[in-house]
Amino acid sequence: MLTTTALTNHRVLVTGSDVFGVEGKTVLDSHQWDELNAHNDHAEAHEAFEAAVEAFFEPITKAAEILEQSHAETEDSLFTVQVSEAVEATAGRPAEVIHLHKDTAILRLIDQGDQARLIWVNDQLEILRETPKSTVEFEQADEPEDAVASEPTA
């Protein structure tokens, strides 16, 4: 079981034993890990803020929709046919991928509770290579029904 203790200047003390029972302690750089967590916290704060703004303006928005509907002219539905639903455009954006430093990957594994891949080697934590979780099996194709073995004729 590995535990972390935050230190000053973006460093973390990691202590404990690995899956082989080896005890150790080391100090890791947590700059990148701290930045990632701050980014996630900021995104969650934005979502909470947007939800609060939407809830605050909901009565006004509903009243505006009712007012707008009261001004709309009614059209006889006999003279219209909806062929398809409206589709609003959304802007695309590429995926944002961050390549983690070794210390950040170690802190991530500890945070996720996946400590089985961490081992102590000369008072430093190392990460075991990920093992495949499953294997791919190919099914043998069935022989066509018309491909019946025939015996030679004399």
N, C-alpha and C. Protein backbone atom coordinates (compact mmCIF):
# COMPACT_ATOMS: atom_id res chain seq x y z
N MET A 1 0.85 -1.17 0.00
CA MET A 1 0.00 0.00 0.00
C MET A 1 0.89 1.23 0.00
N LEU A 2 0.70 2.08 -0.99
CA LEU A 2 1.48 3.30 -1.10
C LEU A 2 0.64 4.49 -0.68
N THR A 3 1.26 5.42 0.04
CA THR A 3 0.57 6.63 0.46
C THR A 3 1.37 7.84 -0.03
N THR A 4 0.67 8.95 -0.20
CA THR A 4 1.31 10.18 -0.66
C THR A 4 1.13 11.27 0.39
N THR A 5 2.14 12.12 0.49
CA THR A 5 2.09 13.29 1.36
C THR A 5 2.57 14.48 0.55
N ALA A 6 1.73 15.52 0.43
CA ALA A 6 2.10 16.70 -0.34
C ALA A 6 3.21 17.46 0.37
N LEU A 7 4.21 17.87 -0.41
CA LEU A 7 5.31 18.68 0.09
C LEU A 7 5.26 20.04 -0.59
N THR A 8 6.15 20.94 -0.23
CA THR A 8 6.20 22.24 -0.88
C THR A 8 6.83 22.13 -2.27
N ASN A 9 6.68 23.18 -3.05
CA ASN A 9 7.31 23.30 -4.37
C ASN A 9 6.96 22.15 -5.32
N HIS A 10 5.69 21.77 -5.34
CA HIS A 10 5.18 20.75 -6.26
C HIS A 10 5.95 19.43 -6.17
N ARG A 11 6.07 18.94 -4.94
CA ARG A 11 6.69 17.64 -4.73
C ARG A 11 5.78 16.81 -3.84
N VAL A 12 5.90 15.49 -3.95
CA VAL A 12 5.08 14.56 -3.17
C VAL A 12 5.97 13.47 -2.62
N LEU A 13 5.82 13.19 -1.32
CA LEU A 13 6.52 12.07 -0.70
C LEU A 13 5.64 10.84 -0.85
N VAL A 14 6.20 9.77 -1.43
CA VAL A 14 5.48 8.50 -1.59
C VAL A 14 6.18 7.49 -0.69
N THR A 15 5.41 6.84 0.18
CA THR A 15 5.95 5.82 1.08
C THR A 15 5.04 4.61 1.06
N GLY A 16 5.62 3.46 1.40
CA GLY A 16 4.82 2.25 1.52
C GLY A 16 5.47 1.07 0.87
N SER A 17 4.69 0.00 0.73
CA SER A 17 5.22 -1.23 0.16
C SER A 17 4.55 -1.53 -1.18
N ASP A 18 5.32 -2.21 -2.05
CA ASP A 18 4.79 -2.56 -3.37
C ASP A 18 4.14 -3.95 -3.32
N VAL A 19 3.78 -4.48 -4.48
CA VAL A 19 3.09 -5.77 -4.54
C VAL A 19 3.96 -6.93 -4.08
N PHE A 20 5.29 -6.74 -4.05
CA PHE A 20 6.21 -7.78 -3.60
C PHE A 20 6.56 -7.64 -2.12
N GLY A 21 5.96 -6.62 -1.45
CA GLY A 21 6.23 -6.39 -0.04
C GLY A 21 7.47 -5.57 0.22
N VAL A 22 8.09 -5.04 -0.81
CA VAL A 22 9.28 -4.22 -0.64
C VAL A 22 8.87 -2.83 -0.17
N GLU A 23 9.49 -2.37 0.91
CA GLU A 23 9.21 -1.05 1.48
C GLU A 23 10.13 -0.01 0.84
N GLY A 24 9.62 1.19 0.72
CA GLY A 24 10.44 2.27 0.19
C GLY A 24 9.79 3.61 0.37
N LYS A 25 10.57 4.65 0.05
CA LYS A 25 10.03 6.01 0.05
C LYS A 25 10.85 6.82 -0.94
N THR A 26 10.16 7.76 -1.59
CA THR A 26 10.81 8.62 -2.57
C THR A 26 10.02 9.91 -2.67
N VAL A 27 10.65 10.93 -3.27
CA VAL A 27 9.99 12.20 -3.51
C VAL A 27 9.81 12.34 -5.02
N LEU A 28 8.57 12.63 -5.44
CA LEU A 28 8.26 12.79 -6.87
C LEU A 28 7.91 14.24 -7.18
N ASP A 29 8.17 14.63 -8.41
CA ASP A 29 7.79 15.96 -8.91
C ASP A 29 6.30 15.90 -9.28
N SER A 30 5.51 16.84 -8.75
CA SER A 30 4.07 16.81 -9.01
C SER A 30 3.57 18.01 -9.82
N HIS A 31 4.49 18.74 -10.50
CA HIS A 31 4.07 19.89 -11.30
C HIS A 31 2.95 19.52 -12.27
N GLN A 32 3.19 18.53 -13.11
CA GLN A 32 2.21 18.16 -14.14
C GLN A 32 0.93 17.62 -13.52
N TRP A 33 1.03 16.81 -12.48
CA TRP A 33 -0.13 16.23 -11.82
C TRP A 33 -0.99 17.33 -11.20
N ASP A 34 -0.33 18.32 -10.56
CA ASP A 34 -1.05 19.44 -9.97
C ASP A 34 -1.77 20.26 -11.05
N GLU A 35 -1.10 20.47 -12.19
CA GLU A 35 -1.72 21.22 -13.29
C GLU A 35 -2.94 20.49 -13.85
N LEU A 36 -2.83 19.17 -14.01
CA LEU A 36 -3.96 18.39 -14.51
C LEU A 36 -5.15 18.45 -13.55
N ASN A 37 -4.87 18.32 -12.25
CA ASN A 37 -5.95 18.38 -11.26
C ASN A 37 -6.57 19.77 -11.22
N ALA A 38 -5.74 20.82 -11.34
CA ALA A 38 -6.26 22.19 -11.35
C ALA A 38 -7.14 22.41 -12.59
N HIS A 39 -6.72 21.85 -13.72
CA HIS A 39 -7.51 21.96 -14.96
C HIS A 39 -8.87 21.29 -14.78
N ASN A 40 -8.88 20.09 -14.20
CA ASN A 40 -10.13 19.37 -13.97
C ASN A 40 -11.03 20.12 -12.98
N ASP A 41 -10.44 20.66 -11.92
CA ASP A 41 -11.21 21.43 -10.95
C ASP A 41 -11.83 22.66 -11.59
N HIS A 42 -11.06 23.32 -12.46
CA HIS A 42 -11.55 24.52 -13.16
C HIS A 42 -12.71 24.17 -14.09
N ALA A 43 -12.59 23.05 -14.81
CA ALA A 43 -13.66 22.62 -15.71
C ALA A 43 -14.93 22.31 -14.93
N GLU A 44 -14.81 21.65 -13.79
CA GLU A 44 -15.98 21.35 -12.95
C GLU A 44 -16.60 22.64 -12.41
N ALA A 45 -15.77 23.61 -12.07
CA ALA A 45 -16.29 24.89 -11.58
C ALA A 45 -17.05 25.62 -12.68
N HIS A 46 -16.54 25.52 -13.91
CA HIS A 46 -17.25 26.13 -15.04
C HIS A 46 -18.62 25.50 -15.24
N GLU A 47 -18.68 24.18 -15.18
CA GLU A 47 -19.95 23.47 -15.35
C GLU A 47 -20.94 23.89 -14.25
N ALA A 48 -20.47 23.98 -13.02
CA ALA A 48 -21.34 24.38 -11.92
C ALA A 48 -21.83 25.81 -12.11
N PHE A 49 -20.95 26.69 -12.57
CA PHE A 49 -21.32 28.08 -12.81
C PHE A 49 -22.37 28.17 -13.91
N GLU A 50 -22.14 27.47 -15.02
CA GLU A 50 -23.09 27.50 -16.13
C GLU A 50 -24.45 26.95 -15.72
N ALA A 51 -24.46 25.90 -14.90
CA ALA A 51 -25.72 25.33 -14.41
C ALA A 51 -26.45 26.34 -13.51
N ALA A 52 -25.69 27.06 -12.68
CA ALA A 52 -26.31 28.06 -11.80
C ALA A 52 -26.88 29.22 -12.59
N VAL A 53 -26.16 29.65 -13.64
CA VAL A 53 -26.65 30.75 -14.48
C VAL A 53 -27.92 30.31 -15.20
N GLU A 54 -27.90 29.09 -15.74
CA GLU A 54 -29.08 28.58 -16.45
C GLU A 54 -30.29 28.50 -15.50
N ALA A 55 -30.07 28.00 -14.29
CA ALA A 55 -31.16 27.91 -13.31
C ALA A 55 -31.67 29.30 -12.93
N PHE A 56 -30.76 30.26 -12.79
CA PHE A 56 -31.14 31.62 -12.43
C PHE A 56 -32.02 32.26 -13.49
N PHE A 57 -31.65 32.06 -14.78
CA PHE A 57 -32.39 32.70 -15.86
C PHE A 57 -33.55 31.86 -16.39
N GLU A 58 -33.76 30.66 -15.88
CA GLU A 58 -34.82 29.78 -16.38
C GLU A 58 -36.20 30.43 -16.35
N PRO A 59 -36.64 31.06 -15.27
CA PRO A 59 -37.98 31.69 -15.27
C PRO A 59 -38.09 32.79 -16.33
N ILE A 60 -37.04 33.57 -16.50
CA ILE A 60 -37.06 34.64 -17.51
C ILE A 60 -37.10 34.05 -18.91
N THR A 61 -36.34 33.01 -19.14
CA THR A 61 -36.30 32.35 -20.46
C THR A 61 -37.68 31.77 -20.79
N LYS A 62 -38.30 31.11 -19.82
CA LYS A 62 -39.64 30.54 -20.05
C LYS A 62 -40.65 31.64 -20.34
N ALA A 63 -40.60 32.74 -19.60
CA ALA A 63 -41.52 33.86 -19.83
C ALA A 63 -41.30 34.46 -21.22
N ALA A 64 -40.06 34.56 -21.66
CA ALA A 64 -39.76 35.09 -22.99
C ALA A 64 -40.31 34.17 -24.07
N GLU A 65 -40.22 32.85 -23.87
CA GLU A 65 -40.76 31.89 -24.84
C GLU A 65 -42.28 32.02 -24.93
N ILE A 66 -42.95 32.17 -23.79
CA ILE A 66 -44.41 32.33 -23.77
C ILE A 66 -44.80 33.61 -24.49
N LEU A 67 -44.08 34.69 -24.23
CA LEU A 67 -44.35 35.96 -24.90
C LEU A 67 -44.15 35.85 -26.40
N GLU A 68 -43.09 35.17 -26.82
CA GLU A 68 -42.81 34.98 -28.24
C GLU A 68 -43.92 34.16 -28.90
N GLN A 69 -44.38 33.13 -28.23
CA GLN A 69 -45.46 32.30 -28.78
C GLN A 69 -46.75 33.09 -28.92
N SER A 70 -46.97 34.04 -28.03
CA SER A 70 -48.21 34.83 -28.12
C SER A 70 -48.22 35.74 -29.33
N HIS A 71 -47.05 36.06 -29.87
CA HIS A 71 -46.94 36.91 -31.05
C HIS A 71 -46.90 36.10 -32.35
N ALA A 72 -46.71 34.82 -32.23
CA ALA A 72 -46.56 33.99 -33.44
C ALA A 72 -47.91 33.83 -34.14
N GLU A 73 -47.81 33.86 -35.45
CA GLU A 73 -49.03 33.62 -36.24
C GLU A 73 -49.24 32.12 -36.33
N THR A 74 -50.47 31.72 -36.21
CA THR A 74 -50.76 30.30 -36.33
C THR A 74 -51.00 29.98 -37.80
N GLU A 75 -50.39 28.90 -38.21
CA GLU A 75 -50.51 28.48 -39.61
C GLU A 75 -51.27 27.16 -39.63
N ASP A 76 -52.15 27.03 -40.58
CA ASP A 76 -52.93 25.81 -40.72
C ASP A 76 -51.97 24.66 -41.03
N SER A 77 -51.95 23.65 -40.17
CA SER A 77 -51.02 22.54 -40.34
C SER A 77 -51.30 21.72 -41.60
N LEU A 78 -52.44 21.93 -42.20
CA LEU A 78 -52.75 21.24 -43.45
C LEU A 78 -51.76 21.63 -44.55
N PHE A 79 -51.24 22.83 -44.47
CA PHE A 79 -50.40 23.34 -45.54
C PHE A 79 -48.90 23.16 -45.29
N THR A 80 -48.53 22.41 -44.27
CA THR A 80 -47.11 22.16 -44.00
C THR A 80 -46.87 20.69 -43.71
N VAL A 81 -45.71 20.24 -44.13
CA VAL A 81 -45.25 18.88 -43.85
C VAL A 81 -43.78 18.98 -43.44
N GLN A 82 -43.46 18.47 -42.29
CA GLN A 82 -42.07 18.48 -41.85
C GLN A 82 -41.40 17.23 -42.40
N VAL A 83 -40.37 17.45 -43.21
CA VAL A 83 -39.67 16.33 -43.86
C VAL A 83 -38.55 15.79 -42.97
N SER A 84 -37.88 16.69 -42.25
CA SER A 84 -36.81 16.24 -41.37
C SER A 84 -36.67 17.22 -40.20
N GLU A 85 -36.00 16.75 -39.16
CA GLU A 85 -35.76 17.58 -37.98
C GLU A 85 -34.64 18.57 -38.27
N ALA A 86 -34.67 19.70 -37.61
CA ALA A 86 -33.60 20.68 -37.73
C ALA A 86 -32.34 20.14 -37.06
N VAL A 87 -31.19 20.49 -37.61
CA VAL A 87 -29.91 20.08 -37.06
C VAL A 87 -29.07 21.34 -36.87
N GLU A 88 -28.62 21.55 -35.64
CA GLU A 88 -27.76 22.70 -35.38
C GLU A 88 -26.31 22.29 -35.53
N ALA A 89 -25.53 23.15 -36.12
CA ALA A 89 -24.12 22.87 -36.34
C ALA A 89 -23.36 22.93 -35.02
N THR A 90 -22.38 22.08 -34.90
CA THR A 90 -21.49 22.13 -33.75
C THR A 90 -20.06 22.20 -34.28
N ALA A 91 -19.29 23.02 -33.66
CA ALA A 91 -17.90 23.17 -34.09
C ALA A 91 -17.09 21.96 -33.65
N GLY A 92 -16.32 21.44 -34.54
CA GLY A 92 -15.45 20.31 -34.20
C GLY A 92 -14.17 20.82 -33.57
N ARG A 93 -13.51 19.94 -32.84
CA ARG A 93 -12.22 20.30 -32.28
C ARG A 93 -11.42 19.01 -32.12
N PRO A 94 -10.12 19.10 -32.29
CA PRO A 94 -9.31 17.88 -32.16
C PRO A 94 -9.21 17.47 -30.69
N ALA A 95 -8.91 16.21 -30.48
CA ALA A 95 -8.71 15.71 -29.12
C ALA A 95 -7.46 16.35 -28.54
N GLU A 96 -7.50 16.62 -27.25
CA GLU A 96 -6.34 17.16 -26.55
C GLU A 96 -5.70 16.02 -25.77
N VAL A 97 -4.48 15.69 -26.12
CA VAL A 97 -3.78 14.57 -25.49
C VAL A 97 -2.52 15.10 -24.81
N ILE A 98 -2.33 14.75 -23.56
CA ILE A 98 -1.15 15.16 -22.81
C ILE A 98 -0.34 13.90 -22.49
N HIS A 99 0.92 13.92 -22.84
CA HIS A 99 1.79 12.79 -22.52
C HIS A 99 2.38 13.01 -21.13
N LEU A 100 2.14 12.06 -20.26
CA LEU A 100 2.51 12.19 -18.86
C LEU A 100 3.97 11.84 -18.62
N HIS A 101 4.58 12.58 -17.69
CA HIS A 101 5.92 12.26 -17.22
C HIS A 101 5.81 11.04 -16.31
N LYS A 102 6.94 10.38 -16.08
CA LYS A 102 6.94 9.17 -15.24
C LYS A 102 6.37 9.46 -13.85
N ASP A 103 6.81 10.56 -13.21
CA ASP A 103 6.31 10.88 -11.86
C ASP A 103 4.80 11.09 -11.87
N THR A 104 4.30 11.74 -12.92
CA THR A 104 2.85 11.99 -13.02
C THR A 104 2.10 10.67 -13.20
N ALA A 105 2.65 9.78 -14.03
CA ALA A 105 2.01 8.48 -14.24
C ALA A 105 1.96 7.68 -12.93
N ILE A 106 3.02 7.78 -12.13
CA ILE A 106 3.04 7.08 -10.84
C ILE A 106 1.97 7.65 -9.92
N LEU A 107 1.88 8.98 -9.84
CA LEU A 107 0.86 9.62 -8.99
C LEU A 107 -0.54 9.27 -9.48
N ARG A 108 -0.71 9.17 -10.79
CA ARG A 108 -2.02 8.78 -11.36
C ARG A 108 -2.39 7.36 -10.93
N LEU A 109 -1.44 6.43 -11.03
CA LEU A 109 -1.71 5.05 -10.62
C LEU A 109 -2.09 4.97 -9.15
N ILE A 110 -1.37 5.72 -8.31
CA ILE A 110 -1.68 5.72 -6.87
C ILE A 110 -3.07 6.30 -6.65
N ASP A 111 -3.38 7.41 -7.31
CA ASP A 111 -4.69 8.06 -7.15
C ASP A 111 -5.83 7.14 -7.60
N GLN A 112 -5.60 6.37 -8.67
CA GLN A 112 -6.63 5.47 -9.19
C GLN A 112 -6.70 4.16 -8.42
N GLY A 113 -5.79 3.95 -7.49
CA GLY A 113 -5.80 2.71 -6.72
C GLY A 113 -5.22 1.52 -7.48
N ASP A 114 -4.49 1.78 -8.55
CA ASP A 114 -3.91 0.72 -9.37
C ASP A 114 -2.42 0.59 -9.04
N GLN A 115 -2.14 0.20 -7.80
CA GLN A 115 -0.75 0.15 -7.33
C GLN A 115 -0.04 -1.15 -7.68
N ALA A 116 -0.74 -2.10 -8.29
CA ALA A 116 -0.13 -3.39 -8.61
C ALA A 116 0.97 -3.26 -9.65
N ARG A 117 0.98 -2.16 -10.40
CA ARG A 117 2.01 -1.96 -11.44
C ARG A 117 3.23 -1.22 -10.91
N LEU A 118 3.21 -0.81 -9.65
CA LEU A 118 4.32 -0.04 -9.09
C LEU A 118 5.21 -0.92 -8.23
N ILE A 119 6.52 -0.87 -8.48
CA ILE A 119 7.47 -1.66 -7.69
C ILE A 119 8.65 -0.77 -7.30
N TRP A 120 9.24 -1.10 -6.15
CA TRP A 120 10.43 -0.39 -5.69
C TRP A 120 11.67 -1.03 -6.30
N VAL A 121 12.54 -0.22 -6.89
CA VAL A 121 13.83 -0.68 -7.41
C VAL A 121 14.86 0.38 -6.98
N ASN A 122 15.77 -0.01 -6.11
CA ASN A 122 16.81 0.91 -5.63
C ASN A 122 16.22 2.22 -5.12
N ASP A 123 15.25 2.12 -4.24
CA ASP A 123 14.59 3.29 -3.63
C ASP A 123 13.92 4.22 -4.63
N GLN A 124 13.56 3.71 -5.79
CA GLN A 124 12.78 4.48 -6.76
C GLN A 124 11.60 3.62 -7.21
N LEU A 125 10.48 4.28 -7.46
CA LEU A 125 9.32 3.55 -7.96
C LEU A 125 9.45 3.39 -9.47
N GLU A 126 9.18 2.20 -9.92
CA GLU A 126 9.17 1.89 -11.35
C GLU A 126 7.79 1.35 -11.70
N ILE A 127 7.43 1.47 -12.98
CA ILE A 127 6.11 1.04 -13.44
C ILE A 127 6.27 -0.22 -14.28
N LEU A 128 5.57 -1.27 -13.87
CA LEU A 128 5.57 -2.51 -14.65
C LEU A 128 4.81 -2.29 -15.95
N ARG A 129 5.25 -2.95 -17.00
CA ARG A 129 4.58 -2.87 -18.29
C ARG A 129 3.17 -3.43 -18.16
N GLU A 130 2.23 -2.78 -18.84
CA GLU A 130 0.84 -3.23 -18.81
C GLU A 130 0.72 -4.57 -19.53
N THR A 131 0.00 -5.48 -18.92
CA THR A 131 -0.23 -6.77 -19.55
C THR A 131 -1.55 -6.73 -20.29
N PRO A 132 -1.64 -7.39 -21.44
CA PRO A 132 -2.91 -7.38 -22.17
C PRO A 132 -4.03 -7.95 -21.31
N LYS A 133 -5.20 -7.31 -21.37
CA LYS A 133 -6.33 -7.74 -20.55
C LYS A 133 -7.11 -8.88 -21.19
N SER A 134 -7.00 -9.00 -22.49
CA SER A 134 -7.73 -10.08 -23.16
C SER A 134 -6.98 -10.49 -24.41
N THR A 135 -7.31 -11.65 -24.90
CA THR A 135 -6.72 -12.12 -26.14
C THR A 135 -7.81 -12.19 -27.19
N VAL A 136 -7.38 -12.09 -28.41
CA VAL A 136 -8.33 -12.14 -29.52
C VAL A 136 -8.36 -13.57 -30.05
N GLU A 137 -9.55 -14.10 -30.18
CA GLU A 137 -9.71 -15.44 -30.72
C GLU A 137 -10.46 -15.34 -32.03
N PHE A 138 -9.97 -16.05 -33.02
CA PHE A 138 -10.62 -16.05 -34.32
C PHE A 138 -11.45 -17.31 -34.45
N GLU A 139 -12.67 -17.11 -34.92
CA GLU A 139 -13.54 -18.26 -35.14
C GLU A 139 -13.20 -18.86 -36.48
N GLN A 140 -13.27 -20.18 -36.56
CA GLN A 140 -13.04 -20.83 -37.83
C GLN A 140 -14.31 -20.70 -38.66
N ALA A 141 -14.11 -20.37 -39.91
CA ALA A 141 -15.25 -20.20 -40.80
C ALA A 141 -15.89 -21.56 -41.06
N ASP A 142 -17.21 -21.58 -41.05
CA ASP A 142 -17.93 -22.81 -41.37
C ASP A 142 -17.76 -23.12 -42.83
N GLU A 143 -17.68 -24.43 -43.12
CA GLU A 143 -17.58 -24.83 -44.52
C GLU A 143 -18.94 -24.64 -45.17
N PRO A 144 -18.97 -24.19 -46.43
CA PRO A 144 -20.24 -24.06 -47.13
C PRO A 144 -20.96 -25.41 -47.20
N GLU A 145 -22.27 -25.38 -47.16
CA GLU A 145 -23.05 -26.61 -47.15
C GLU A 145 -22.87 -27.43 -48.43
N ASP A 146 -22.58 -26.76 -49.56
CA ASP A 146 -22.43 -27.49 -50.81
C ASP A 146 -21.05 -28.09 -50.97
N ALA A 147 -20.16 -27.85 -50.02
CA ALA A 147 -18.81 -28.42 -50.10
C ALA A 147 -18.79 -29.74 -49.32
N VAL A 148 -19.58 -30.70 -49.75
CA VAL A 148 -19.66 -32.01 -49.10
C VAL A 148 -18.58 -32.89 -49.69
N ALA A 149 -17.88 -33.60 -48.83
CA ALA A 149 -16.82 -34.49 -49.32
C ALA A 149 -17.44 -35.57 -50.19
N SER A 150 -16.88 -35.72 -51.32
CA SER A 150 -17.41 -36.74 -52.22
C SER A 150 -16.40 -37.86 -52.36
N GLU A 151 -16.94 -39.06 -52.55
CA GLU A 151 -16.07 -40.22 -52.72
C GLU A 151 -15.77 -40.37 -54.20
N PRO A 152 -14.58 -40.84 -54.48
CA PRO A 152 -14.23 -41.03 -55.91
C PRO A 152 -15.16 -42.07 -56.54
N THR A 153 -15.50 -41.85 -57.78
CA THR A 153 -16.34 -42.81 -58.51
C THR A 153 -15.48 -43.65 -59.41
N ALA A 154 -15.87 -44.90 -59.61
CA ALA A 154 -15.09 -45.83 -60.41
C ALA A 154 -15.56 -45.89 -61.82
